N, C-alpha and C. Protein backbone atom coordinates (compact mmCIF):
# COMPACT_ATOMS: atom_id res chain seq x y z
N MET A 1 6.83 12.65 -6.19
CA MET A 1 6.86 11.44 -6.97
C MET A 1 8.38 11.11 -7.11
N VAL A 2 9.25 12.08 -7.27
CA VAL A 2 10.62 11.78 -7.41
C VAL A 2 11.17 11.06 -6.13
N SER A 3 10.74 11.44 -4.98
CA SER A 3 11.18 10.97 -3.73
C SER A 3 10.72 9.41 -3.57
N ILE A 4 9.58 9.09 -3.95
CA ILE A 4 9.05 7.74 -4.06
C ILE A 4 9.95 6.91 -4.98
N GLN A 5 10.17 7.40 -6.22
CA GLN A 5 10.95 6.60 -7.10
C GLN A 5 12.30 6.43 -6.54
N LEU A 6 12.96 7.47 -5.94
CA LEU A 6 14.25 7.35 -5.30
C LEU A 6 14.17 6.25 -4.29
N ALA A 7 13.24 6.21 -3.43
CA ALA A 7 13.06 5.22 -2.32
C ALA A 7 13.10 3.83 -2.99
N PHE A 8 12.34 3.50 -4.03
CA PHE A 8 12.44 2.33 -4.73
C PHE A 8 13.67 1.88 -5.24
N TYR A 9 14.38 3.01 -5.86
CA TYR A 9 15.78 2.70 -6.44
C TYR A 9 16.82 2.40 -5.34
N LEU A 10 16.78 3.09 -4.26
CA LEU A 10 17.62 2.82 -3.15
C LEU A 10 17.50 1.53 -2.49
N LYS A 11 16.22 1.11 -2.41
CA LYS A 11 15.90 -0.19 -1.79
C LYS A 11 16.47 -1.30 -2.64
N ARG A 12 16.32 -1.10 -3.99
CA ARG A 12 16.80 -2.14 -4.96
C ARG A 12 18.36 -2.15 -4.85
N MET A 13 18.95 -1.13 -4.44
CA MET A 13 20.37 -1.12 -4.26
C MET A 13 20.81 -1.82 -2.94
N GLY A 14 19.84 -2.13 -2.14
CA GLY A 14 20.12 -2.82 -0.87
C GLY A 14 20.29 -1.92 0.40
N LYS A 15 19.72 -0.67 0.19
CA LYS A 15 19.88 0.24 1.36
C LYS A 15 18.61 0.22 2.17
N LYS A 16 18.84 0.60 3.45
CA LYS A 16 17.77 0.55 4.41
C LYS A 16 16.98 1.99 4.00
N VAL A 17 15.73 1.95 3.77
CA VAL A 17 15.03 3.08 3.34
C VAL A 17 13.85 3.31 4.15
N SER A 18 13.57 4.60 4.48
CA SER A 18 12.30 5.06 5.08
C SER A 18 11.76 6.26 4.21
N TYR A 19 10.49 6.20 4.21
CA TYR A 19 9.85 7.31 3.35
C TYR A 19 8.81 8.08 4.22
N TYR A 20 8.75 9.44 4.06
CA TYR A 20 7.84 10.28 4.75
C TYR A 20 7.25 11.14 3.64
N GLY A 21 5.91 11.26 3.48
CA GLY A 21 5.33 12.14 2.59
C GLY A 21 3.87 11.67 2.44
N ASP A 22 3.24 12.25 1.59
CA ASP A 22 1.67 12.26 1.38
C ASP A 22 1.25 10.96 0.61
N LEU A 23 2.18 10.22 0.01
CA LEU A 23 1.90 8.99 -0.66
C LEU A 23 0.99 9.21 -1.90
N LEU A 24 1.02 10.42 -2.48
CA LEU A 24 0.34 10.82 -3.70
C LEU A 24 -1.10 10.83 -3.57
N ARG A 25 -1.55 11.13 -2.35
CA ARG A 25 -3.06 11.24 -2.01
C ARG A 25 -3.77 12.30 -2.93
N TRP A 26 -3.02 13.36 -3.27
CA TRP A 26 -3.55 14.33 -4.26
C TRP A 26 -3.97 13.80 -5.58
N ALA A 27 -3.34 12.61 -5.94
CA ALA A 27 -3.71 12.03 -7.25
C ALA A 27 -4.83 10.98 -7.24
N GLY A 28 -5.34 10.83 -5.88
CA GLY A 28 -6.55 9.86 -5.81
C GLY A 28 -6.21 8.77 -4.69
N GLU A 29 -7.35 8.38 -4.08
CA GLU A 29 -7.26 7.46 -3.01
C GLU A 29 -6.70 6.06 -3.43
N LYS A 30 -7.11 5.60 -4.59
CA LYS A 30 -6.75 4.28 -5.16
C LYS A 30 -5.17 4.44 -5.46
N THR A 31 -4.67 5.49 -5.94
CA THR A 31 -3.32 5.71 -6.21
C THR A 31 -2.50 5.65 -4.85
N SER A 32 -2.98 6.37 -3.85
CA SER A 32 -2.24 6.55 -2.67
C SER A 32 -2.22 5.07 -1.91
N ASP A 33 -3.37 4.42 -1.92
CA ASP A 33 -3.32 3.10 -1.31
C ASP A 33 -2.44 2.12 -1.93
N LEU A 34 -2.43 2.11 -3.25
CA LEU A 34 -1.58 1.15 -4.00
C LEU A 34 -0.01 1.52 -3.88
N VAL A 35 0.30 2.85 -3.82
CA VAL A 35 1.72 3.35 -3.68
C VAL A 35 2.09 2.81 -2.17
N LYS A 36 1.28 3.02 -1.21
CA LYS A 36 1.55 2.59 0.18
C LYS A 36 1.91 1.20 0.22
N LYS A 37 1.02 0.38 -0.36
CA LYS A 37 1.14 -1.21 -0.41
C LYS A 37 2.44 -1.52 -1.08
N GLU A 38 2.74 -1.01 -2.18
CA GLU A 38 3.94 -1.31 -2.86
C GLU A 38 5.25 -0.92 -2.12
N LEU A 39 5.22 0.25 -1.48
CA LEU A 39 6.26 0.69 -0.64
C LEU A 39 6.62 -0.43 0.48
N GLU A 40 5.48 -0.79 1.20
CA GLU A 40 5.46 -1.64 2.27
C GLU A 40 6.12 -2.98 1.73
N ASN A 41 5.47 -3.52 0.56
CA ASN A 41 5.89 -4.73 -0.02
C ASN A 41 7.36 -4.82 -0.38
N ALA A 42 7.92 -3.69 -0.80
CA ALA A 42 9.31 -3.51 -1.08
C ALA A 42 10.22 -3.47 0.19
N GLY A 43 9.60 -3.36 1.31
CA GLY A 43 10.37 -3.35 2.66
C GLY A 43 10.76 -1.93 2.99
N ILE A 44 10.10 -0.96 2.51
CA ILE A 44 10.35 0.43 2.70
C ILE A 44 9.44 0.88 3.84
N THR A 45 10.05 1.44 5.01
CA THR A 45 9.39 1.84 6.12
C THR A 45 8.64 3.24 5.89
N ILE A 46 7.43 3.29 6.27
CA ILE A 46 6.69 4.46 6.18
C ILE A 46 6.73 5.22 7.55
N ALA A 47 7.47 6.37 7.38
CA ALA A 47 7.65 7.07 8.74
C ALA A 47 6.54 7.86 9.06
N GLU A 48 6.25 8.10 10.28
CA GLU A 48 5.20 8.98 10.82
C GLU A 48 5.51 10.50 10.72
N LYS A 49 6.70 10.91 10.95
CA LYS A 49 7.26 12.16 10.98
C LYS A 49 8.52 12.29 10.12
N ALA A 50 8.69 13.46 9.55
CA ALA A 50 9.93 13.77 8.87
C ALA A 50 11.23 13.63 9.55
N GLU A 51 10.99 14.08 10.92
CA GLU A 51 12.18 14.19 11.85
C GLU A 51 12.69 12.78 12.07
N THR A 52 11.90 11.69 11.90
CA THR A 52 12.31 10.43 12.05
C THR A 52 13.31 9.98 11.15
N ILE A 53 13.34 10.61 9.95
CA ILE A 53 14.39 10.26 8.94
C ILE A 53 15.46 11.36 8.87
N ILE A 54 15.16 12.62 8.83
CA ILE A 54 16.04 13.63 8.82
C ILE A 54 15.86 14.55 10.05
N PRO A 55 16.88 14.86 10.91
CA PRO A 55 16.61 15.57 12.21
C PRO A 55 15.91 16.86 11.86
N GLU A 56 16.33 17.71 10.98
CA GLU A 56 15.68 18.89 10.70
C GLU A 56 15.32 19.00 9.30
N CYS A 57 13.90 19.14 9.12
CA CYS A 57 13.38 19.12 7.73
C CYS A 57 12.61 20.40 7.45
N ARG A 58 12.98 21.27 6.44
CA ARG A 58 12.31 22.45 6.21
C ARG A 58 11.72 22.46 4.76
N GLN A 59 10.60 23.09 4.59
CA GLN A 59 9.93 23.03 3.34
C GLN A 59 10.74 23.98 2.36
N TRP A 60 10.74 23.51 1.12
CA TRP A 60 11.44 24.18 -0.04
C TRP A 60 10.80 25.51 -0.11
N GLU A 61 11.57 26.50 -0.39
CA GLU A 61 10.97 27.82 -0.63
C GLU A 61 11.04 28.09 -2.19
N SER A 62 9.83 28.31 -2.86
CA SER A 62 10.00 28.40 -4.29
C SER A 62 10.50 29.76 -4.66
N ILE A 63 11.14 29.75 -5.87
CA ILE A 63 11.71 31.05 -6.35
C ILE A 63 10.61 31.72 -7.20
N GLY A 64 9.37 31.22 -7.14
CA GLY A 64 8.34 31.77 -8.01
C GLY A 64 7.57 30.82 -8.86
N GLU A 65 6.31 30.83 -8.54
CA GLU A 65 5.43 29.92 -9.35
C GLU A 65 4.35 30.70 -9.84
N PHE A 66 3.58 30.28 -10.88
CA PHE A 66 2.41 30.99 -11.47
C PHE A 66 1.27 30.19 -11.43
N ASN A 67 0.16 30.90 -11.37
CA ASN A 67 -1.16 30.17 -11.41
C ASN A 67 -1.42 29.67 -12.67
N TYR A 68 -2.08 28.57 -12.79
CA TYR A 68 -2.33 27.88 -14.13
C TYR A 68 -3.58 28.54 -14.76
N SER A 69 -3.50 28.73 -16.02
CA SER A 69 -4.64 29.20 -16.84
C SER A 69 -4.58 28.24 -18.01
N ARG A 70 -5.82 27.99 -18.55
CA ARG A 70 -6.02 26.95 -19.65
C ARG A 70 -5.18 27.13 -20.85
N ASN A 71 -4.51 28.28 -21.09
CA ASN A 71 -3.65 28.37 -22.18
C ASN A 71 -2.22 28.86 -21.90
N PHE A 72 -1.93 28.86 -20.39
CA PHE A 72 -0.75 29.18 -19.89
C PHE A 72 -0.30 30.56 -19.98
N GLU A 73 -1.08 31.45 -20.35
CA GLU A 73 -0.84 32.94 -20.35
C GLU A 73 -0.93 33.44 -18.86
N ILE A 74 0.19 34.09 -18.42
CA ILE A 74 0.22 34.55 -17.17
C ILE A 74 0.03 36.10 -17.12
N SER A 75 0.40 36.67 -18.27
CA SER A 75 0.26 38.09 -18.58
C SER A 75 0.14 38.32 -20.06
N LYS A 76 -0.39 39.47 -20.49
CA LYS A 76 -0.63 39.61 -21.85
C LYS A 76 0.68 39.22 -22.67
N GLY A 77 0.62 38.10 -23.52
CA GLY A 77 1.77 37.72 -24.34
C GLY A 77 2.96 37.07 -23.57
N VAL A 78 2.66 36.77 -22.24
CA VAL A 78 3.68 36.01 -21.39
C VAL A 78 3.11 34.73 -21.07
N TYR A 79 4.00 33.64 -21.21
CA TYR A 79 3.39 32.38 -20.91
C TYR A 79 4.40 31.56 -19.93
N ALA A 80 3.81 30.65 -19.17
CA ALA A 80 4.68 29.77 -18.25
C ALA A 80 4.13 28.47 -18.30
N ILE A 81 5.02 27.37 -18.45
CA ILE A 81 4.69 26.01 -18.46
C ILE A 81 5.49 25.20 -17.58
N GLY A 82 5.13 24.07 -17.32
CA GLY A 82 5.93 22.98 -16.64
C GLY A 82 6.09 23.12 -15.10
N ASP A 83 7.32 23.02 -14.58
CA ASP A 83 7.49 22.94 -13.18
C ASP A 83 7.30 24.22 -12.46
N ILE A 84 7.09 25.37 -13.21
CA ILE A 84 6.90 26.61 -12.44
C ILE A 84 5.36 26.95 -12.40
N ILE A 85 4.44 26.09 -12.68
CA ILE A 85 3.05 26.18 -12.55
C ILE A 85 2.67 25.74 -11.09
N LYS A 86 2.04 26.68 -10.32
CA LYS A 86 1.77 26.40 -8.94
C LYS A 86 0.90 25.37 -8.84
N GLY A 87 1.35 24.41 -7.79
CA GLY A 87 0.57 23.25 -7.54
C GLY A 87 0.72 22.00 -8.34
N TRP A 88 1.43 22.16 -9.46
CA TRP A 88 1.60 21.05 -10.44
C TRP A 88 2.76 20.03 -9.86
N PRO A 89 2.54 18.73 -10.05
CA PRO A 89 3.64 17.88 -9.73
C PRO A 89 4.69 18.12 -10.69
N ARG A 90 5.92 17.86 -10.06
CA ARG A 90 7.19 18.04 -10.95
C ARG A 90 7.48 16.71 -11.69
N VAL A 91 6.77 16.54 -12.77
CA VAL A 91 7.12 15.41 -13.69
C VAL A 91 7.36 15.94 -15.11
N GLY A 92 8.44 15.42 -15.68
CA GLY A 92 8.78 15.90 -17.01
C GLY A 92 7.83 15.54 -18.09
N GLU A 93 6.98 14.42 -17.92
CA GLU A 93 5.98 14.21 -19.10
C GLU A 93 4.99 15.32 -19.12
N LEU A 94 4.50 15.70 -17.91
CA LEU A 94 3.41 16.67 -18.00
C LEU A 94 4.09 18.13 -18.42
N ALA A 95 5.21 18.39 -18.03
CA ALA A 95 5.99 19.50 -18.48
C ALA A 95 6.10 19.62 -19.97
N MET A 96 6.53 18.41 -20.56
CA MET A 96 6.71 18.33 -22.09
C MET A 96 5.40 18.48 -22.79
N ARG A 97 4.31 17.79 -22.22
CA ARG A 97 3.00 17.93 -22.96
C ARG A 97 2.50 19.37 -22.88
N SER A 98 2.77 20.11 -21.88
CA SER A 98 2.27 21.52 -21.73
C SER A 98 3.10 22.37 -22.74
N GLY A 99 4.38 22.03 -22.94
CA GLY A 99 5.26 22.73 -23.94
C GLY A 99 4.76 22.44 -25.29
N VAL A 100 4.45 21.31 -25.61
CA VAL A 100 3.98 20.88 -26.94
C VAL A 100 2.56 21.63 -27.32
N PHE A 101 1.73 21.56 -26.22
CA PHE A 101 0.46 22.27 -26.40
C PHE A 101 0.61 23.81 -26.62
N LEU A 102 1.50 24.47 -25.84
CA LEU A 102 1.63 25.94 -25.96
C LEU A 102 2.22 26.14 -27.41
N GLY A 103 3.15 25.39 -27.78
CA GLY A 103 3.75 25.59 -29.13
C GLY A 103 2.68 25.58 -30.25
N ARG A 104 1.82 24.53 -30.20
CA ARG A 104 0.71 24.40 -31.09
C ARG A 104 -0.26 25.62 -30.96
N TYR A 105 -0.54 26.02 -29.60
CA TYR A 105 -1.49 26.97 -29.47
C TYR A 105 -1.00 28.35 -30.01
N LEU A 106 0.35 28.69 -29.80
CA LEU A 106 0.91 29.90 -30.27
C LEU A 106 0.99 30.00 -31.78
N SER A 107 1.07 28.75 -32.44
CA SER A 107 1.25 28.60 -33.84
C SER A 107 -0.13 28.56 -34.52
N GLY A 108 -1.18 28.53 -33.70
CA GLY A 108 -2.53 28.51 -34.24
C GLY A 108 -3.02 27.18 -34.60
N LYS A 109 -2.29 26.10 -34.24
CA LYS A 109 -2.66 24.86 -34.58
C LYS A 109 -3.66 24.18 -33.50
N GLU A 110 -3.64 24.76 -32.40
CA GLU A 110 -4.41 24.37 -31.18
C GLU A 110 -5.37 25.39 -30.81
N LYS A 111 -6.71 25.20 -30.74
CA LYS A 111 -7.72 26.19 -30.45
C LYS A 111 -8.31 25.96 -29.09
N GLY A 112 -8.35 24.84 -28.52
CA GLY A 112 -8.83 24.58 -27.26
C GLY A 112 -8.10 24.95 -26.09
N ASP A 113 -8.46 24.34 -24.86
CA ASP A 113 -7.66 24.49 -23.61
C ASP A 113 -6.88 23.35 -23.42
N PHE A 114 -5.71 23.44 -22.58
CA PHE A 114 -4.91 22.42 -22.23
C PHE A 114 -5.69 21.76 -21.08
N ILE A 115 -5.90 20.44 -21.08
CA ILE A 115 -6.58 19.75 -20.06
C ILE A 115 -5.43 18.86 -19.41
N PRO A 116 -5.03 19.13 -18.23
CA PRO A 116 -3.90 18.37 -17.58
C PRO A 116 -4.36 17.04 -17.09
N ILE A 117 -3.44 16.04 -17.23
CA ILE A 117 -3.64 14.74 -16.58
C ILE A 117 -2.30 14.27 -16.28
N LEU A 118 -2.22 13.74 -14.96
CA LEU A 118 -0.90 13.18 -14.40
C LEU A 118 -0.79 11.80 -15.17
N ILE A 119 0.40 11.57 -15.73
CA ILE A 119 0.72 10.29 -16.19
C ILE A 119 2.15 9.94 -15.72
N ASN A 120 2.33 8.87 -15.02
CA ASN A 120 3.61 8.57 -14.43
C ASN A 120 3.80 7.10 -14.22
N ILE A 121 5.08 6.73 -14.23
CA ILE A 121 5.25 5.25 -13.98
C ILE A 121 6.40 5.29 -12.78
N LEU A 122 6.03 4.45 -11.76
CA LEU A 122 7.05 4.40 -10.64
C LEU A 122 7.61 2.96 -10.61
N ASP A 123 8.91 2.72 -10.86
CA ASP A 123 9.37 1.53 -10.80
C ASP A 123 9.59 1.02 -9.37
N THR A 124 9.05 -0.19 -8.96
CA THR A 124 9.26 -0.65 -7.54
C THR A 124 10.50 -1.36 -7.39
N GLY A 125 11.19 -1.56 -8.48
CA GLY A 125 12.53 -2.24 -8.28
C GLY A 125 12.53 -3.79 -8.03
N ARG A 126 11.26 -4.29 -8.13
CA ARG A 126 10.96 -5.72 -7.87
C ARG A 126 10.38 -6.29 -9.11
N GLY A 127 10.73 -5.89 -10.20
CA GLY A 127 10.22 -6.38 -11.54
C GLY A 127 8.83 -5.97 -11.94
N LYS A 128 8.28 -4.96 -11.06
CA LYS A 128 6.87 -4.45 -11.35
C LYS A 128 7.01 -2.94 -11.31
N ALA A 129 6.07 -2.24 -11.88
CA ALA A 129 5.94 -0.75 -11.74
C ALA A 129 4.47 -0.30 -11.60
N ILE A 130 4.34 0.83 -10.94
CA ILE A 130 3.06 1.40 -10.82
C ILE A 130 2.75 2.39 -11.90
N HIS A 131 1.68 2.28 -12.70
CA HIS A 131 1.39 3.11 -13.68
C HIS A 131 0.12 4.16 -13.21
N ILE A 132 0.36 5.32 -13.20
CA ILE A 132 -0.67 6.22 -12.68
C ILE A 132 -1.21 7.25 -13.70
N ARG A 133 -2.44 7.27 -13.92
CA ARG A 133 -3.05 8.31 -14.66
C ARG A 133 -4.21 8.90 -13.85
N SER A 134 -4.22 10.28 -13.76
CA SER A 134 -5.21 10.93 -12.87
C SER A 134 -5.40 12.41 -13.20
N ASP A 135 -6.67 12.98 -13.29
CA ASP A 135 -6.81 14.31 -13.39
C ASP A 135 -7.44 14.88 -12.14
N LYS A 136 -7.45 14.14 -10.99
CA LYS A 136 -7.96 14.66 -9.87
C LYS A 136 -7.26 15.81 -9.22
N PRO A 137 -5.90 16.00 -9.48
CA PRO A 137 -5.29 17.17 -8.91
C PRO A 137 -5.84 18.47 -9.48
N TRP A 138 -6.61 18.47 -10.57
CA TRP A 138 -7.15 19.46 -11.28
C TRP A 138 -8.75 19.46 -11.15
N GLY A 139 -9.19 18.78 -10.25
CA GLY A 139 -10.63 18.76 -10.01
C GLY A 139 -11.41 17.70 -10.71
N GLY A 140 -10.64 16.90 -11.52
CA GLY A 140 -11.34 15.89 -12.27
C GLY A 140 -11.80 14.61 -11.51
N LYS A 141 -12.31 13.68 -12.19
CA LYS A 141 -12.91 12.40 -11.54
C LYS A 141 -12.15 11.12 -12.01
N TYR A 142 -11.21 11.23 -12.99
CA TYR A 142 -10.43 10.13 -13.47
C TYR A 142 -9.28 9.66 -12.78
N GLU A 143 -9.19 8.41 -12.39
CA GLU A 143 -8.06 7.85 -11.69
C GLU A 143 -7.94 6.49 -12.15
N SER A 144 -6.75 6.11 -12.77
CA SER A 144 -6.43 4.75 -13.00
C SER A 144 -4.96 4.40 -12.44
N VAL A 145 -4.95 3.36 -11.66
CA VAL A 145 -3.68 2.95 -11.11
C VAL A 145 -3.41 1.45 -11.24
N LYS A 146 -2.38 1.02 -11.89
CA LYS A 146 -2.16 -0.33 -12.17
C LYS A 146 -0.71 -0.81 -11.89
N VAL A 147 -0.45 -1.94 -11.58
CA VAL A 147 0.84 -2.45 -11.28
C VAL A 147 1.04 -3.73 -12.23
N SER A 148 2.21 -3.70 -12.97
CA SER A 148 2.49 -4.83 -13.79
C SER A 148 4.00 -4.86 -14.13
N ARG A 149 4.38 -5.99 -14.63
CA ARG A 149 5.72 -6.17 -15.23
C ARG A 149 5.97 -5.49 -16.41
N VAL A 150 4.97 -5.33 -17.34
CA VAL A 150 5.11 -4.58 -18.59
C VAL A 150 5.51 -3.17 -18.44
N ARG A 151 4.88 -2.52 -17.33
CA ARG A 151 5.07 -1.15 -17.15
C ARG A 151 6.50 -0.89 -16.53
N SER A 152 7.04 -1.86 -15.92
CA SER A 152 8.46 -1.91 -15.44
C SER A 152 9.44 -1.87 -16.66
N ILE A 153 9.09 -2.67 -17.65
CA ILE A 153 10.01 -2.63 -18.82
C ILE A 153 9.83 -1.36 -19.44
N MET A 154 8.62 -0.76 -19.66
CA MET A 154 8.47 0.55 -20.23
C MET A 154 9.30 1.67 -19.52
N LYS A 155 9.24 1.59 -18.21
CA LYS A 155 10.05 2.58 -17.48
C LYS A 155 11.46 2.49 -17.76
N ARG A 156 11.94 1.21 -17.65
CA ARG A 156 13.37 1.08 -17.99
C ARG A 156 13.80 1.48 -19.40
N PHE A 157 12.92 1.19 -20.33
CA PHE A 157 13.08 1.67 -21.73
C PHE A 157 13.30 3.15 -21.79
N ILE A 158 12.30 3.85 -21.16
CA ILE A 158 12.31 5.22 -21.13
C ILE A 158 13.46 5.85 -20.56
N GLU A 159 13.84 5.37 -19.36
CA GLU A 159 15.08 5.86 -18.74
C GLU A 159 16.37 5.43 -19.55
N LYS A 160 16.49 4.43 -20.18
CA LYS A 160 17.56 4.03 -20.94
C LYS A 160 17.80 4.92 -22.08
N HIS A 161 16.61 5.17 -22.84
CA HIS A 161 16.66 5.88 -24.08
C HIS A 161 16.44 7.48 -24.05
N TYR A 162 15.87 7.92 -22.90
CA TYR A 162 15.61 9.35 -22.80
C TYR A 162 16.33 10.03 -21.70
N VAL A 163 16.71 9.32 -20.61
CA VAL A 163 17.34 9.90 -19.61
C VAL A 163 18.91 9.66 -19.58
N SER A 164 19.69 10.49 -19.94
CA SER A 164 21.18 10.16 -20.06
C SER A 164 21.95 11.14 -19.10
């Protein structure tokens, strides 16, 4: 997701941009189709191979990730949340919600399981943004993807006030 957002930002800066990746297919087909359409509408080329963009491209090797459990316990009394959960997208909002859940769970204020859902806004740089909500990466059936100007304003507010 970060690479897609970066592609939109670079295009808005007037750069020639190509993108290679899965177009968020793991978040759902509607999401993937809309992201592809918005990339193309922004004038961003969708590359067929990574080598088209960068001559040599290797997969990042993880320093260690942990399997997801409903309460984040990876070993008796040891917990892992956020970006080190295997297979989870690297988005701060999901990491923050998992941290809040774990704090409430450990303090006894939360009794259930954490039910993950991807919530993200991608600013297209053209006065619109794509708002994604999906639990499909975790085997769910929910997927909502919308494009609007209001979501672009929301994204810019979040970046201005929370990302420094």
